[in-house]
Protein backbone atom coordinates (compact mmCIF):
# COMPACT_ATOMS: atom_id res chain seq x y z
CA MET A 1 -12.15 25.22 13.03
CA GLN A 2 -13.09 22.59 15.57
CA ARG A 3 -16.50 21.06 14.96
CA LEU A 4 -18.86 19.29 17.32
CA LEU A 5 -21.00 16.49 15.89
CA LEU A 6 -24.24 16.21 17.85
CA ASN A 7 -26.34 13.08 18.16
CA ILE A 8 -29.98 14.02 18.68
CA LEU A 9 -31.81 11.29 20.59
CA LEU A 10 -35.46 10.95 21.54
CA SER A 11 -36.25 8.39 24.21
CA MET A 12 -39.55 7.04 25.53
CA GLY A 13 -38.82 3.39 25.04
CA LEU A 14 -37.53 4.44 21.61
CA LEU A 15 -34.68 6.40 20.07
CA LEU A 16 -34.81 8.77 17.14
CA GLU A 17 -32.01 10.30 15.10
CA ALA A 18 -31.38 11.34 11.52
CA ARG A 19 -30.86 7.84 10.14
CA ALA A 20 -27.31 6.97 9.16
CA GLN A 21 -26.65 5.08 5.95
CA GLY A 22 -26.62 1.33 6.43
CA THR A 23 -29.36 0.94 9.07
CA PHE A 24 -33.05 0.47 8.44
CA ASN A 25 -36.29 -1.09 9.69
CA GLU A 26 -38.55 -2.17 6.84
CA ARG A 27 -41.38 -4.54 6.00
CA PHE A 28 -42.14 -6.01 2.59
CA ASP A 29 -45.28 -7.40 0.94
CA LEU A 30 -44.21 -9.39 -2.13
CA PHE A 31 -46.24 -8.27 -5.17
CA GLY A 32 -48.53 -6.20 -2.90
CA GLU A 33 -51.16 -8.95 -2.73
CA GLY A 34 -52.06 -8.45 0.91
CA MET A 35 -51.45 -12.08 1.88
CA GLY A 36 -49.52 -13.33 4.89
CA GLN A 37 -45.74 -13.82 4.61
CA PHE A 38 -43.02 -14.91 7.05
CA GLY A 39 -39.23 -14.49 6.87
CA TRP A 40 -37.27 -17.59 7.96
CA GLY A 41 -33.69 -17.10 6.81
CA ILE A 42 -31.19 -14.49 5.67
CA GLU A 43 -27.85 -14.70 3.88
CA VAL A 44 -25.39 -11.87 3.14
CA LYS A 45 -23.60 -11.56 -0.19
CA ALA A 46 -20.08 -10.22 -0.65
CA ASN A 47 -21.38 -6.82 -1.81
CA GLY A 48 -23.39 -6.39 1.40
CA ASP A 49 -26.80 -7.21 -0.12
CA ALA A 50 -28.98 -9.45 2.04
CA LEU A 51 -30.95 -12.34 0.58
CA VAL A 52 -34.12 -12.93 2.61
CA LEU A 53 -35.82 -16.33 2.37
CA PHE A 54 -39.51 -16.45 3.23
CA ASN A 55 -42.84 -17.99 2.38
CA GLY A 56 -46.34 -16.71 1.79
CA ASP A 57 -49.67 -17.76 0.38
CA TYR A 58 -50.95 -16.73 -3.05
CA THR A 59 -53.66 -17.37 -5.66
CA ASP A 60 -52.86 -18.58 -9.18
CA ASP A 61 -55.50 -19.33 -11.83
CA SER A 62 -58.17 -19.09 -9.13
CA LEU A 63 -56.41 -21.79 -7.09
CA TYR A 64 -55.30 -20.91 -3.58
CA TYR A 65 -51.84 -22.05 -2.44
CA GLY A 66 -51.01 -22.03 1.25
CA SER A 67 -47.28 -21.37 0.81
CA ALA A 68 -44.56 -20.69 -1.72
CA VAL A 69 -40.79 -20.61 -1.23
CA SER A 70 -39.87 -17.00 -1.97
CA SER A 71 -36.91 -14.64 -1.76
CA VAL A 72 -36.10 -10.97 -1.96
CA VAL A 73 -32.77 -9.11 -2.10
CA VAL A 74 -32.37 -6.10 0.22
CA SER A 75 -29.61 -3.56 -0.36
CA PRO A 76 -27.54 -2.11 2.52
CA ALA A 77 -29.75 0.99 2.25
CA GLY A 78 -32.96 -1.03 2.72
CA VAL A 79 -34.11 -1.10 -0.92
CA PHE A 80 -36.01 -4.28 -1.85
CA SER A 81 -35.79 -6.05 -5.20
CA ALA A 82 -38.87 -7.21 -7.10
CA GLY A 83 -38.54 -10.59 -5.38
CA PHE A 84 -38.97 -14.19 -6.54
CA ARG A 85 -41.72 -16.73 -5.88
CA LEU A 86 -41.58 -20.41 -6.75
CA GLN A 87 -44.88 -21.50 -8.32
CA ILE A 88 -45.28 -25.26 -8.86
CA PRO A 89 -48.69 -26.46 -10.11
CA GLU A 90 -50.70 -28.24 -7.40
CA ARG A 91 -47.89 -27.98 -4.84
CA ALA A 92 -47.40 -25.76 -1.85
CA THR A 93 -43.71 -25.26 -1.08
CA TYR A 94 -42.21 -24.41 2.30
CA PRO A 95 -38.82 -23.23 3.53
CA GLY A 96 -37.60 -24.87 6.72
CA TRP A 97 -37.39 -23.34 10.16
CA ALA A 98 -35.08 -20.58 11.41
CA ASN A 99 -31.71 -20.23 9.61
CA CYS A 100 -33.02 -22.72 7.03
CA ALA A 101 -30.48 -22.09 4.22
CA SER A 102 -26.70 -22.07 3.79
CA PRO A 103 -24.13 -21.31 1.05
CA ARG A 104 -23.12 -23.98 -1.47
CA GLN A 105 -19.50 -24.72 -2.37
CA GLU A 106 -20.08 -23.81 -6.03
CA GLY A 107 -21.95 -20.59 -5.24
CA GLY A 108 -25.57 -19.89 -4.48
CA TYR A 109 -27.47 -21.49 -1.61
CA ILE A 110 -29.21 -24.69 -0.56
CA LEU A 111 -32.53 -24.49 1.27
CA GLY A 112 -34.03 -27.30 3.31
CA GLY A 113 -37.81 -27.44 3.42
CA SER A 114 -40.90 -29.32 2.28
CA THR A 115 -43.67 -29.62 -0.28
CA ALA A 116 -47.32 -30.52 0.19
CA THR A 117 -50.08 -31.67 -2.16
CA TRP A 118 -53.69 -32.71 -1.69
CA GLY A 119 -53.77 -36.27 -0.34
CA ASP A 120 -49.98 -36.38 0.16
CA THR A 121 -49.38 -34.55 3.39
CA ALA A 122 -45.71 -33.48 3.27
CA ARG A 123 -42.47 -34.33 1.51
CA ALA A 124 -39.03 -33.16 2.65
CA ALA A 125 -37.38 -31.18 -0.13
CA LEU A 126 -34.18 -29.45 -1.23
CA TYR A 127 -34.19 -26.16 -3.13
CA TRP A 128 -31.18 -24.89 -5.09
CA LEU A 129 -30.99 -21.09 -5.23
CA ASP A 130 -28.67 -18.88 -7.24
CA GLU A 131 -26.94 -15.78 -5.81
CA ASP A 132 -30.10 -13.69 -6.32
CA GLY A 133 -32.42 -16.16 -4.63
CA VAL A 134 -33.99 -17.64 -7.77
CA VAL A 135 -34.80 -21.34 -7.33
CA THR A 136 -32.99 -23.11 -10.17
CA ASN A 137 -33.92 -26.65 -9.10
CA PHE A 138 -35.80 -28.53 -6.41
CA SER A 139 -35.96 -32.16 -5.35
CA GLU A 140 -38.53 -33.96 -3.21
CA LEU A 141 -36.66 -36.57 -1.19
CA ASP A 142 -37.68 -40.14 -1.99
CA LEU A 143 -38.57 -41.28 1.52
CA PRO A 144 -41.07 -43.96 2.62
CA GLY A 145 -44.45 -42.80 3.84
CA HIS A 146 -46.08 -39.42 3.51
CA ASP A 147 -45.18 -37.21 6.48
CA TRP A 148 -41.68 -35.75 6.24
CA ILE A 149 -41.05 -32.09 7.05
CA GLY A 150 -37.59 -30.67 6.28
CA ARG A 151 -36.32 -27.94 8.60
CA GLN A 152 -32.71 -27.18 7.61
CA ALA A 153 -30.05 -28.34 5.14
CA LYS A 154 -26.28 -28.06 4.76
CA GLN A 155 -23.92 -29.13 2.01
CA ALA A 156 -21.74 -32.05 3.07
CA ALA A 157 -17.99 -32.30 2.49
CA ASP A 158 -18.51 -34.67 -0.48
CA GLY A 159 -20.78 -32.17 -2.28
CA GLY A 160 -24.02 -33.90 -1.28
CA PHE A 161 -26.48 -32.56 1.26
CA VAL A 162 -27.76 -33.40 4.73
CA VAL A 163 -31.37 -32.55 5.65
CA VAL A 164 -33.01 -32.73 9.08
CA GLY A 165 -36.59 -32.52 10.24
CA GLU A 166 -39.37 -34.66 11.65
CA THR A 167 -41.46 -37.55 10.40
CA SER A 168 -44.73 -38.67 11.92
CA SER A 169 -46.80 -41.81 12.17
CA LEU A 170 -50.09 -42.52 13.91
CA GLU A 171 -48.23 -43.10 17.16
CA THR A 172 -45.44 -40.56 17.43
CA ILE A 173 -43.16 -37.97 15.82
CA ASP A 174 -39.48 -38.80 15.31
CA ALA A 175 -36.49 -36.70 14.27
CA PHE A 176 -34.88 -37.68 10.98
CA VAL A 177 -31.57 -37.07 9.23
CA ALA A 178 -31.27 -37.76 5.49
CA LYS A 179 -28.06 -37.69 3.40
CA THR A 180 -28.32 -37.14 -0.35
CA ASP A 181 -25.88 -36.98 -3.23
CA ALA A 182 -25.20 -33.74 -5.11
CA GLN A 183 -28.37 -34.22 -7.19
CA GLY A 184 -30.61 -34.75 -4.17
CA GLU A 185 -30.94 -38.54 -4.46
CA VAL A 186 -31.24 -40.10 -0.99
CA GLU A 187 -28.21 -42.17 0.07
CA TRP A 188 -29.47 -42.95 3.55
CA VAL A 189 -32.06 -41.79 6.05
CA LYS A 190 -32.28 -42.52 9.77
CA THR A 191 -34.82 -41.64 12.42
CA PHE A 192 -34.09 -40.87 16.06
CA GLY A 193 -36.16 -40.64 19.21
CA GLY A 194 -38.10 -42.62 21.73
CA VAL A 195 -41.72 -43.53 22.30
CA MET A 196 -42.68 -39.83 22.58
CA ASP A 197 -42.35 -36.92 20.16
CA ASP A 198 -38.85 -35.79 19.15
CA TYR A 199 -37.73 -33.12 16.69
CA ALA A 200 -34.63 -32.08 14.72
CA LEU A 201 -34.50 -28.49 13.49
CA ALA A 202 -30.80 -27.75 12.98
CA VAL A 203 -27.74 -29.44 11.47
CA ASP A 204 -24.09 -28.54 10.92
CA LEU A 205 -20.89 -30.33 9.94
CA ARG A 206 -18.45 -31.97 12.37
CA GLN A 207 -14.80 -31.22 11.71
CA LEU A 208 -14.07 -34.90 12.45
CA GLY A 209 -16.56 -35.95 9.77
CA GLY A 210 -20.27 -36.42 10.15
CA TYR A 211 -22.85 -34.06 11.58
CA PHE A 212 -24.18 -32.30 14.66
CA VAL A 213 -27.98 -32.30 14.93
CA GLY A 214 -30.00 -30.08 17.27
CA GLY A 215 -33.61 -30.38 18.36
CA GLN A 216 -35.90 -31.32 21.21
CA SER A 217 -36.65 -34.60 23.00
CA ARG A 218 -39.76 -35.32 25.04
CA ILE A 219 -38.52 -37.30 28.02
CA SER A 220 -41.93 -37.60 29.69
CA SER A 221 -45.54 -36.64 29.06
CA SER A 222 -44.91 -33.36 30.89
CA ASN A 223 -41.29 -32.51 30.04
CA LYS A 224 -39.39 -31.60 26.84
CA GLN A 225 -35.67 -30.86 26.90
CA LEU A 226 -32.81 -29.71 24.68
CA TRP A 227 -31.25 -32.40 22.49
CA VAL A 228 -27.99 -32.55 20.51
CA LEU A 229 -26.73 -35.56 18.55
CA ALA A 230 -23.29 -36.19 17.07
CA LEU A 231 -23.39 -38.53 14.06
CA ASP A 232 -20.62 -40.00 11.94
CA ASP A 233 -20.82 -39.76 8.15
CA THR A 234 -23.00 -42.88 7.95
CA GLY A 235 -25.55 -41.56 10.46
CA ALA A 236 -24.38 -43.71 13.37
CA VAL A 237 -24.65 -41.98 16.75
CA ALA A 238 -21.29 -40.95 18.24
CA TRP A 239 -22.94 -39.40 21.29
CA SER A 240 -26.27 -37.93 22.37
CA LYS A 241 -26.93 -35.25 24.97
CA ILE A 242 -30.33 -34.36 26.47
CA TRP A 243 -30.49 -31.68 29.15
CA GLY A 244 -32.82 -29.13 30.69
CA THR A 245 -35.04 -28.41 33.67
CA GLN A 246 -38.25 -29.81 35.09
CA TYR A 247 -39.99 -27.31 32.81
CA ASP A 248 -40.16 -27.51 29.01
CA GLU A 249 -37.27 -26.27 26.87
CA PRO A 250 -37.71 -25.47 23.15
CA ASN A 251 -35.44 -26.77 20.38
CA ALA A 252 -31.64 -26.60 20.50
CA HIS A 253 -30.65 -24.56 17.44
CA LEU A 254 -26.97 -25.08 16.73
CA THR A 255 -23.98 -24.09 14.62
CA THR A 256 -20.40 -25.36 14.64
CA SER A 257 -17.87 -22.83 15.95
CA ALA A 258 -14.46 -22.22 14.35
CA ASP A 259 -12.80 -24.47 16.95
CA GLY A 260 -15.11 -27.37 16.04
CA ASN A 261 -17.31 -27.21 19.14
CA ILE A 262 -21.07 -26.62 19.19
CA LEU A 263 -22.89 -23.35 19.83
CA VAL A 264 -26.49 -23.77 20.99
CA ALA A 265 -29.27 -21.15 21.01
CA SER A 266 -32.56 -21.79 22.77
CA ALA A 267 -34.34 -20.90 26.03
CA TRP A 268 -34.19 -22.19 29.60
CA GLY A 269 -37.34 -23.16 31.47
CA THR A 270 -37.98 -21.13 34.61
CA SER A 271 -41.61 -21.91 35.50
CA PRO A 272 -44.70 -23.65 34.08
CA ASN A 273 -46.72 -22.25 31.17
CA ASP A 274 -43.79 -21.83 28.76
CA ASN A 275 -41.93 -19.16 30.70
CA TYR A 276 -38.28 -19.08 29.63
CA ALA A 277 -35.06 -17.13 29.87
CA LYS A 278 -33.02 -16.77 26.69
CA TYR A 279 -30.20 -19.32 26.63
CA LEU A 280 -26.84 -19.89 24.95
CA ALA A 281 -24.42 -22.76 25.51
CA LYS A 282 -21.21 -24.17 24.09
CA LEU A 283 -20.78 -27.95 24.01
CA ASP A 284 -17.59 -29.95 23.65
CA LYS A 285 -17.32 -31.60 20.24
CA THR A 286 -16.00 -34.88 21.64
CA ASP A 287 -18.73 -35.77 24.12
CA GLY A 288 -21.28 -32.93 24.36
CA ALA A 289 -20.10 -31.74 27.78
CA ILE A 290 -21.20 -28.17 28.53
CA MET A 291 -18.18 -25.87 28.28
CA TRP A 292 -20.27 -22.87 29.35
CA ASP A 293 -23.92 -21.85 29.37
CA ARG A 294 -25.70 -18.60 30.16
CA THR A 295 -29.22 -17.19 30.46
CA TYR A 296 -30.12 -13.63 29.45
CA GLY A 297 -32.81 -11.16 30.41
CA PRO A 298 -35.93 -11.62 32.51
CA PRO A 299 -37.99 -14.77 31.90
CA SER A 300 -41.11 -14.27 29.81
CA GLU A 301 -43.64 -16.30 27.89
CA GLY A 302 -42.23 -17.79 24.68
CA CYS A 303 -38.88 -15.98 24.34
CA PRO A 304 -36.38 -18.37 22.70
CA LEU A 305 -33.30 -17.69 20.62
CA TYR A 306 -33.40 -19.29 17.15
CA ALA A 307 -29.83 -19.00 15.87
CA VAL A 308 -26.34 -18.18 17.14
CA LYS A 309 -23.31 -17.44 14.97
CA GLU A 310 -19.77 -16.20 15.34
CA VAL A 311 -19.33 -12.59 14.28
CA HIS A 312 -15.75 -13.48 13.36
CA ALA A 313 -14.09 -16.88 13.66
CA GLY A 314 -13.33 -17.46 17.33
CA GLY A 315 -14.73 -14.06 18.31
CA ASP A 316 -17.99 -12.54 19.55
CA LEU A 317 -21.34 -14.25 19.05
CA ILE A 318 -24.57 -12.84 17.63
CA ALA A 319 -27.91 -14.49 18.42
CA VAL A 320 -31.47 -13.79 17.26
CA GLY A 321 -34.89 -14.51 18.70
CA HIS A 322 -38.01 -12.89 20.04
CA SER A 323 -39.67 -11.92 23.30
CA TYR A 324 -43.25 -11.52 24.47
CA GLN A 325 -43.72 -8.70 26.94
CA ASN A 326 -46.67 -6.51 27.92
CA ALA A 327 -48.93 -8.42 25.51
CA SER A 328 -46.68 -7.60 22.54
CA TYR A 329 -44.00 -9.36 20.47
CA TYR A 330 -40.49 -7.97 20.03
CA GLY A 331 -37.61 -9.11 17.86
CA VAL A 332 -34.40 -9.62 19.83
CA LEU A 333 -30.69 -9.46 19.00
CA LEU A 334 -28.05 -10.49 21.55
CA ARG A 335 -24.30 -9.96 21.18
CA THR A 336 -21.92 -11.73 23.55
CA THR A 337 -18.24 -12.45 23.92
CA SER A 338 -16.90 -15.81 22.75
CA GLN A 339 -17.52 -17.03 26.32
CA GLY A 340 -21.15 -15.99 26.32
CA ASP A 341 -20.81 -12.85 28.42
CA SER A 342 -23.45 -10.35 27.31
CA LEU A 343 -22.29 -7.20 25.52
CA TRP A 344 -25.77 -5.96 24.63
CA MET A 345 -29.27 -7.28 24.08
CA ARG A 346 -31.85 -5.13 22.31
CA TYR A 347 -35.56 -5.41 21.57
CA TYR A 348 -37.11 -4.18 18.33
CA GLN A 349 -40.54 -3.42 16.92
CA TYR A 350 -41.66 -2.30 13.50
CA TYR A 351 -42.79 1.32 13.28
CA ASP A 352 -43.94 3.67 10.54
CA SER A 353 -46.14 6.75 10.13
CA VAL A 354 -49.26 4.57 10.28
CA VAL A 355 -48.43 1.99 12.94
CA THR A 356 -46.86 3.06 16.23
CA ASN A 357 -46.00 -0.25 17.87
CA GLY A 358 -45.91 -2.99 15.22
CA ARG A 359 -45.42 -6.45 16.69
CA GLY A 360 -42.75 -8.62 15.16
CA LEU A 361 -40.53 -11.69 15.49
CA LEU A 362 -37.01 -12.33 14.15
CA ARG A 363 -35.80 -15.74 12.96
CA ASP A 364 -32.30 -15.31 11.51
CA VAL A 365 -29.35 -12.91 11.62
CA GLN A 366 -26.08 -12.44 9.75
CA PRO A 367 -23.06 -10.17 10.27
CA THR A 368 -22.60 -7.60 7.48
CA PRO A 369 -19.35 -6.37 5.84
CA ASP A 370 -19.62 -2.96 7.56
CA GLY A 371 -19.51 -4.54 11.04
CA GLY A 372 -23.25 -4.43 11.66
CA PHE A 373 -25.96 -7.07 11.48
CA VAL A 374 -29.03 -7.76 9.36
CA ALA A 375 -31.96 -9.84 10.62
CA ALA A 376 -35.20 -11.13 9.10
CA GLY A 377 -38.53 -12.29 10.44
CA VAL A 378 -42.15 -11.20 10.35
CA ALA A 379 -44.03 -7.99 11.05
CA LEU A 380 -47.31 -9.35 12.40
CA GLY A 381 -50.45 -7.99 10.77
CA VAL A 382 -52.29 -4.95 12.08
CA SER A 383 -56.01 -4.99 11.39
CA GLY A 384 -57.01 -2.38 8.84
CA GLN A 385 -53.40 -1.32 8.21
CA TYR A 386 -51.33 -4.15 6.73
CA THR A 387 -51.17 -7.92 6.58
CA GLN A 388 -48.50 -10.16 8.04
CA ASP A 389 -45.34 -9.15 6.12
CA VAL A 390 -41.65 -9.94 5.86
CA TRP A 391 -39.66 -7.78 8.30
CA VAL A 392 -35.98 -6.89 7.85
CA ILE A 393 -33.83 -4.75 10.13
CA LYS A 394 -30.25 -3.58 9.68
CA VAL A 395 -28.38 -2.43 12.80
CA ASP A 396 -24.88 -1.18 13.51
CA SER A 397 -22.28 -3.01 15.61
CA MET A 398 -23.96 -1.81 18.81
CA GLY A 399 -27.35 -3.15 17.77
CA CYS A 400 -28.69 0.33 17.02
CA ILE A 401 -31.12 1.07 14.22
CA GLU A 402 -30.68 4.70 15.13
CA PRO A 403 -26.93 5.10 15.77
CA GLY A 404 -26.11 6.31 19.27
CA CYS A 405 -28.82 4.28 21.02
CA HIS A 406 -26.24 2.77 23.35
CA LEU A 407 -25.36 6.23 24.71
CA VAL A 408 -28.68 6.47 26.58
CA THR A 409 -28.98 3.93 29.38
CA GLY A 410 -32.17 2.06 30.14
CA VAL A 411 -33.49 2.23 26.57
CA GLU A 412 -33.58 -0.97 24.55
CA THR A 413 -36.57 -0.91 22.18
CA GLN A 414 -35.83 0.53 18.74
CA LEU A 415 -38.78 2.04 16.83
CA THR A 416 -37.77 3.77 13.66
CA ASN A 417 -38.90 5.13 10.26
CA LEU A 418 -39.57 8.59 11.77
CA ARG A 419 -36.56 10.22 10.19
CA ASP A 420 -38.77 12.80 8.41
CA ALA A 421 -40.15 13.92 11.78
CA LEU A 422 -36.81 15.30 12.99
CA THR A 423 -34.95 18.20 11.37
CA VAL A 424 -31.49 19.24 12.61
CA SER A 425 -29.74 22.27 11.15
CA PRO A 426 -26.83 22.63 10.87
CA ASN A 427 -25.41 19.16 11.68
CA PRO A 428 -22.50 18.97 12.39
CA VAL A 429 -22.37 22.33 14.11
CA ALA A 430 -19.27 24.45 14.84
CA ARG A 431 -18.26 24.45 18.48
CA GLY A 432 -20.18 27.22 20.20
CA GLY A 433 -22.45 27.67 17.22
CA ALA A 434 -26.23 27.74 17.08
CA ILE A 435 -28.42 24.78 16.22
CA SER A 436 -32.08 24.38 15.36
CA VAL A 437 -33.92 21.15 16.13
CA GLU A 438 -37.51 20.76 15.01
CA LEU A 439 -39.64 17.75 15.87
CA LYS A 440 -43.00 17.10 14.24
CA LEU A 441 -44.52 13.79 15.30
CA PRO A 442 -47.32 12.16 13.25
CA GLN A 443 -50.83 13.01 14.38
CA ASN A 444 -51.56 9.41 15.37
CA PHE A 445 -48.31 8.98 17.29
CA THR A 446 -48.86 7.90 20.89
CA PRO A 447 -45.77 8.07 23.16
CA GLN A 448 -45.32 5.25 25.67
CA GLY A 449 -44.00 7.00 28.73
CA ALA A 450 -42.17 10.31 29.02
CA LEU A 451 -40.83 11.97 25.86
CA ARG A 452 -37.32 13.33 26.23
CA LEU A 453 -34.94 15.14 23.85
CA THR A 454 -31.28 14.33 24.53
CA LEU A 455 -28.24 15.91 22.86
CA VAL A 456 -25.07 13.81 23.03
CA SER A 457 -21.68 14.75 21.62
CA SER A 458 -19.76 12.40 19.36
CA ASP A 459 -17.53 11.39 22.29
CA GLY A 460 -20.53 10.38 24.38
CA ARG A 461 -20.88 13.48 26.61
CA LEU A 462 -24.38 14.58 27.60
CA ILE A 463 -24.81 18.14 26.28
CA SER A 464 -28.45 18.83 27.04
CA GLU A 465 -31.53 16.95 28.13
CA GLN A 466 -35.10 18.27 28.07
CA GLN A 467 -38.48 16.76 28.94
CA LEU A 468 -40.90 17.38 26.08
CA GLU A 469 -44.62 17.95 25.80
CA GLY A 470 -46.67 18.34 22.65
CA THR A 471 -45.85 17.23 19.12
CA THR A 472 -43.78 20.16 17.79
CA CYS A 473 -40.53 21.22 19.37
CA GLU A 474 -37.78 23.62 18.37
CA LEU A 475 -34.42 24.38 19.95
CA ALA A 476 -33.94 28.14 19.68
CA ARG A 477 -31.20 29.50 17.40
CA SER A 478 -28.73 30.32 20.12
CA PRO A 479 -25.88 28.07 21.32
CA LEU A 480 -27.68 25.08 22.86
CA ALA A 481 -30.39 27.28 24.29
CA SER A 482 -33.53 26.13 26.06
CA THR A 483 -36.17 24.10 24.27
CA THR A 484 -39.71 25.28 23.65
CA CYS A 485 -42.54 22.92 22.71
CA THR A 486 -46.07 23.46 21.46
């Protein structure tokens, strides 16, 4: 017998469907202490588990600590492990910025970050993590002075590590690059920048030897621009590229593509007051010339991309960031071709039975073995409901938390965790058969815009579409009959 698989979609700036295995939208409060936490990096293991790297404050023996390097493993079904927190007496520990960790040659991961103690402002640090995110060792870099903040680290070809970040004095802030041996002992450190503030937040390896470094350079008192450096393996500058507009640009976050060139994620200034359009570029490895660059979406306040990676070597790109629209924060994922042509860009918020429009930001993304993507960031606190928590989403190859979202045009925001509100029976349904759809929205649910029930076949055909009113709706038990709502 031929069977017709129906996708049941609700749209009002959101989509709803019986959730397929392998997608989720979850937040996590390590140890349930109700203290603020923030996800900065994510790595995917061979079995599909995602290792989320984050920090959060805590109290130990009546002493308050402002931050601790922490991790949690999330299964492909969205189940969180008990988590790990690094507790070092009299030290706060920090992961770096977006995409702050990377795999090590011998297994496990290296994390670039910092430590802080009373009277000793900040020390750049390396953290060695095993496959499950447990910190097995850490090393504070032996650097002169007291203000060194590590932002990202990679393992070098010789087994040592390269760390980037910023160092400050009374006069200015400079970018720094430090090379260590395999044990974390500093072999050399160099600073870069001019008489104004400069930053380095990203590093990757050059195929020719040496490193690419991405950050931001202040070229005048009123203008900051994108900055990429190419260094040889001694830290000498091979070339330097600074570019942008008359308006400020945020940091150039970079990764090396399979062909050895440089992929850059950031934002492009469009007007004063930090209004940007999301921005990707590809630079030539030999001299930093722009091979292509693109902007995406409407400009808005504070909407950069924080990481860009190849989905497959030489193939599509996936980028992650956030957007600020209508006085609310959204996480953003963008998929493009290898030439930067947009395939889709979607906006996400956290949602559950208590919170309808949870604000959130995403900081890192990784492709998953099933062809989808997993991203991590922060679900910003909601007064009286929950504190600032780690936020993790898993989407399919089309960027959908609820599969089928791409079949309805004009809908980009994905609010989920309402799977218990929708009952479909039977599903799939025999061609010409009867189907019952019952929708029971939470009492505190407030739709934003019109509520619409859409039935779409598995081959993308629109079967039925009905405007809804009320919070309970049932499709009568006759073949795709009319909908009644109360």
